[in-house]
Protein backbone atom coordinates (compact mmCIF):
# COMPACT_ATOMS: atom_id res chain seq x y z
CA MET A 1 0.07 0.01 0.00
CA ILE A 2 1.23 3.48 -0.70
CA GLY A 3 0.61 6.51 1.46
CA LEU A 4 -2.88 7.73 1.75
CA THR A 5 -3.59 11.11 0.21
CA GLU A 6 -6.69 13.09 -0.49
CA ALA A 7 -6.55 11.44 -3.98
CA THR A 8 -6.94 8.01 -2.51
CA SER A 9 -10.12 6.29 -3.45
CA GLN A 10 -12.82 5.83 -0.67
CA PRO A 11 -12.69 2.02 -1.08
CA ASP A 12 -8.99 2.07 -0.29
CA LEU A 13 -9.54 4.43 2.67
CA ASP A 14 -12.33 2.16 3.93
CA ALA A 15 -10.09 -0.91 3.63
CA PHE A 16 -7.30 0.72 5.62
CA GLY A 17 -9.71 1.90 8.29
CA THR A 18 -11.34 -1.56 8.66
CA GLN A 19 -7.90 -3.26 8.82
CA TYR A 20 -6.80 -0.88 11.63
CA ALA A 21 -10.02 -1.59 13.52
CA GLN A 22 -9.55 -5.33 13.18
CA ALA A 23 -5.99 -4.97 14.56
CA TRP A 24 -7.42 -3.12 17.58
CA SER A 25 -10.07 -5.85 18.04
CA SER A 26 -7.69 -8.76 17.56
CA GLN A 27 -6.38 -9.13 21.08
CA ARG A 28 -2.87 -9.10 19.44
CA PRO A 29 -1.00 -5.90 20.30
CA LYS A 30 1.62 -6.72 17.70
CA ALA A 31 -1.12 -6.46 15.04
CA VAL A 32 -1.61 -2.82 16.02
CA ALA A 33 2.08 -2.07 16.21
CA ALA A 34 2.69 -3.65 12.84
CA MET A 35 0.52 -1.00 11.21
CA PHE A 36 2.95 1.74 12.53
CA ALA A 37 6.27 2.84 11.11
CA GLU A 38 9.28 1.67 13.07
CA ASP A 39 9.51 5.17 14.65
CA GLY A 40 5.74 5.91 14.50
CA TRP A 41 3.80 7.19 17.57
CA ILE A 42 0.38 7.21 19.11
CA ALA A 43 -0.93 9.73 21.54
CA ILE A 44 -4.35 9.69 23.33
CA ASN A 45 -6.00 12.94 24.20
CA ASP A 46 -3.39 15.00 26.08
CA GLU A 47 -1.06 12.10 27.05
CA GLU A 48 2.49 12.06 25.88
CA PRO A 49 3.07 10.11 22.65
CA ALA A 50 4.11 6.50 22.78
CA ARG A 51 7.03 6.44 20.28
CA GLY A 52 8.20 3.50 18.39
CA ARG A 53 6.51 0.13 17.64
CA GLU A 54 7.32 -1.35 21.06
CA ALA A 55 5.61 1.53 22.83
CA VAL A 56 2.57 1.50 20.42
CA GLU A 57 2.28 -2.24 21.25
CA GLY A 58 2.31 -1.32 24.91
CA VAL A 59 -0.66 1.11 24.46
CA ALA A 60 -2.63 -1.50 22.52
CA ARG A 61 -1.74 -4.17 25.14
CA GLY A 62 -3.12 -1.91 27.83
CA PHE A 63 -6.52 -1.57 26.18
CA MET A 64 -6.64 -5.20 25.29
CA THR A 65 -5.90 -6.21 28.78
CA ASP A 66 -8.33 -3.86 30.37
CA PHE A 67 -11.10 -4.91 27.79
CA PRO A 68 -10.55 -8.53 26.90
CA ASP A 69 -13.58 -8.35 24.70
CA LEU A 70 -12.52 -5.14 23.04
CA ASP A 71 -14.37 -4.60 19.78
CA VAL A 72 -13.37 -1.53 17.64
CA ARG A 73 -15.32 -0.61 14.59
CA CYS A 74 -14.29 1.80 11.81
CA ASP A 75 -17.07 4.38 11.43
CA CYS A 76 -15.27 6.02 8.54
CA LEU A 77 -11.81 7.15 7.40
CA ALA A 78 -11.88 10.38 5.53
CA PHE A 79 -10.05 13.58 4.99
CA VAL A 80 -11.57 16.39 7.04
CA GLU A 81 -10.10 19.92 6.28
CA GLY A 82 -6.94 18.38 4.88
CA GLU A 83 -6.47 16.01 7.85
CA LEU A 84 -6.98 12.24 7.65
CA ARG A 85 -9.38 11.21 10.42
CA TRP A 86 -10.23 7.65 11.39
CA HIS A 87 -13.52 7.75 13.27
CA TRP A 88 -14.09 4.80 15.45
CA THR A 89 -16.49 3.18 17.99
CA MET A 90 -15.21 0.89 20.71
CA LYS A 91 -17.13 -1.32 23.09
CA GLY A 92 -16.00 -3.75 25.68
CA THR A 93 -16.23 -4.74 29.20
CA ASN A 94 -13.61 -3.57 31.71
CA THR A 95 -12.95 -6.97 33.26
CA GLY A 96 -9.07 -6.91 33.15
CA PRO A 97 -7.00 -6.50 36.29
CA ARG A 98 -8.23 -3.64 38.34
CA GLY A 99 -11.35 -3.67 36.09
CA THR A 100 -14.66 -2.24 37.12
CA GLY A 101 -16.66 -4.92 35.38
CA LYS A 102 -18.56 -2.18 33.68
CA ALA A 103 -19.28 -2.09 29.86
CA ILE A 104 -18.28 0.86 27.72
CA LEU A 105 -19.49 2.17 24.45
CA ILE A 106 -17.64 5.23 23.14
CA SER A 107 -16.67 6.94 19.86
CA GLY A 108 -13.83 9.09 18.98
CA TYR A 109 -11.34 9.64 16.21
CA GLU A 110 -7.59 9.60 15.42
CA SER A 111 -5.80 12.14 13.21
CA LEU A 112 -3.53 10.05 11.16
CA VAL A 113 -0.45 10.56 9.15
CA ILE A 114 0.39 7.74 6.79
CA GLY A 115 3.82 7.35 5.24
CA GLU A 116 4.56 6.45 1.63
CA ASP A 117 5.00 2.90 2.72
CA GLY A 118 1.35 2.76 3.96
CA LEU A 119 2.37 2.69 7.66
CA ILE A 120 1.16 5.01 10.24
CA VAL A 121 3.69 7.73 11.12
CA SER A 122 1.52 9.30 13.75
CA ALA A 123 -1.85 8.85 15.43
CA HIS A 124 -3.40 11.39 17.72
CA GLY A 125 -6.54 9.93 19.32
CA HIS A 126 -9.40 11.97 20.70
CA PHE A 127 -12.36 10.79 22.73
CA ASP A 128 -14.54 12.27 25.61
CA GLN A 129 -12.59 11.30 28.76
CA GLN A 130 -15.49 12.53 31.07
CA ASP A 131 -17.78 10.08 29.25
CA TRP A 132 -15.24 7.37 29.65
CA GLY A 133 -15.03 7.92 33.30
CA ARG A 134 -18.67 8.11 33.70
CA GLN A 135 -19.33 4.78 31.90
CA LEU A 136 -16.61 3.06 33.93
CA GLY A 137 -17.93 4.43 37.23
CA GLY A 138 -14.90 6.56 37.92
């Protein structure tokens, strides 16, 4: 796959968005990390970026551990005002260690930069942390 640009067809964007969602739903953190460039990074809301595949894998492992039934769906992947945004919905039950046992259903998006090799260079995730806390009872 080549880098995604505003000239990329919607079916190709949809395929990438679905593949990324499947990686997050796979319970295989390496599957998420494999979609990132070797020095790629992910940041969630205002957290410091996790830089490099190993760090990205750690972020994915955290979600997958906290939500063993994690299910992420791609709502759409599209360019919005020149920015590639992957809109997603996740659901799962927080039954991992230190879990609340409560279910969550939340939507958000990641601003993505995709390199010429088709790997994610950067992903900046955004979701409503107050809603997250409310749903988990915190």
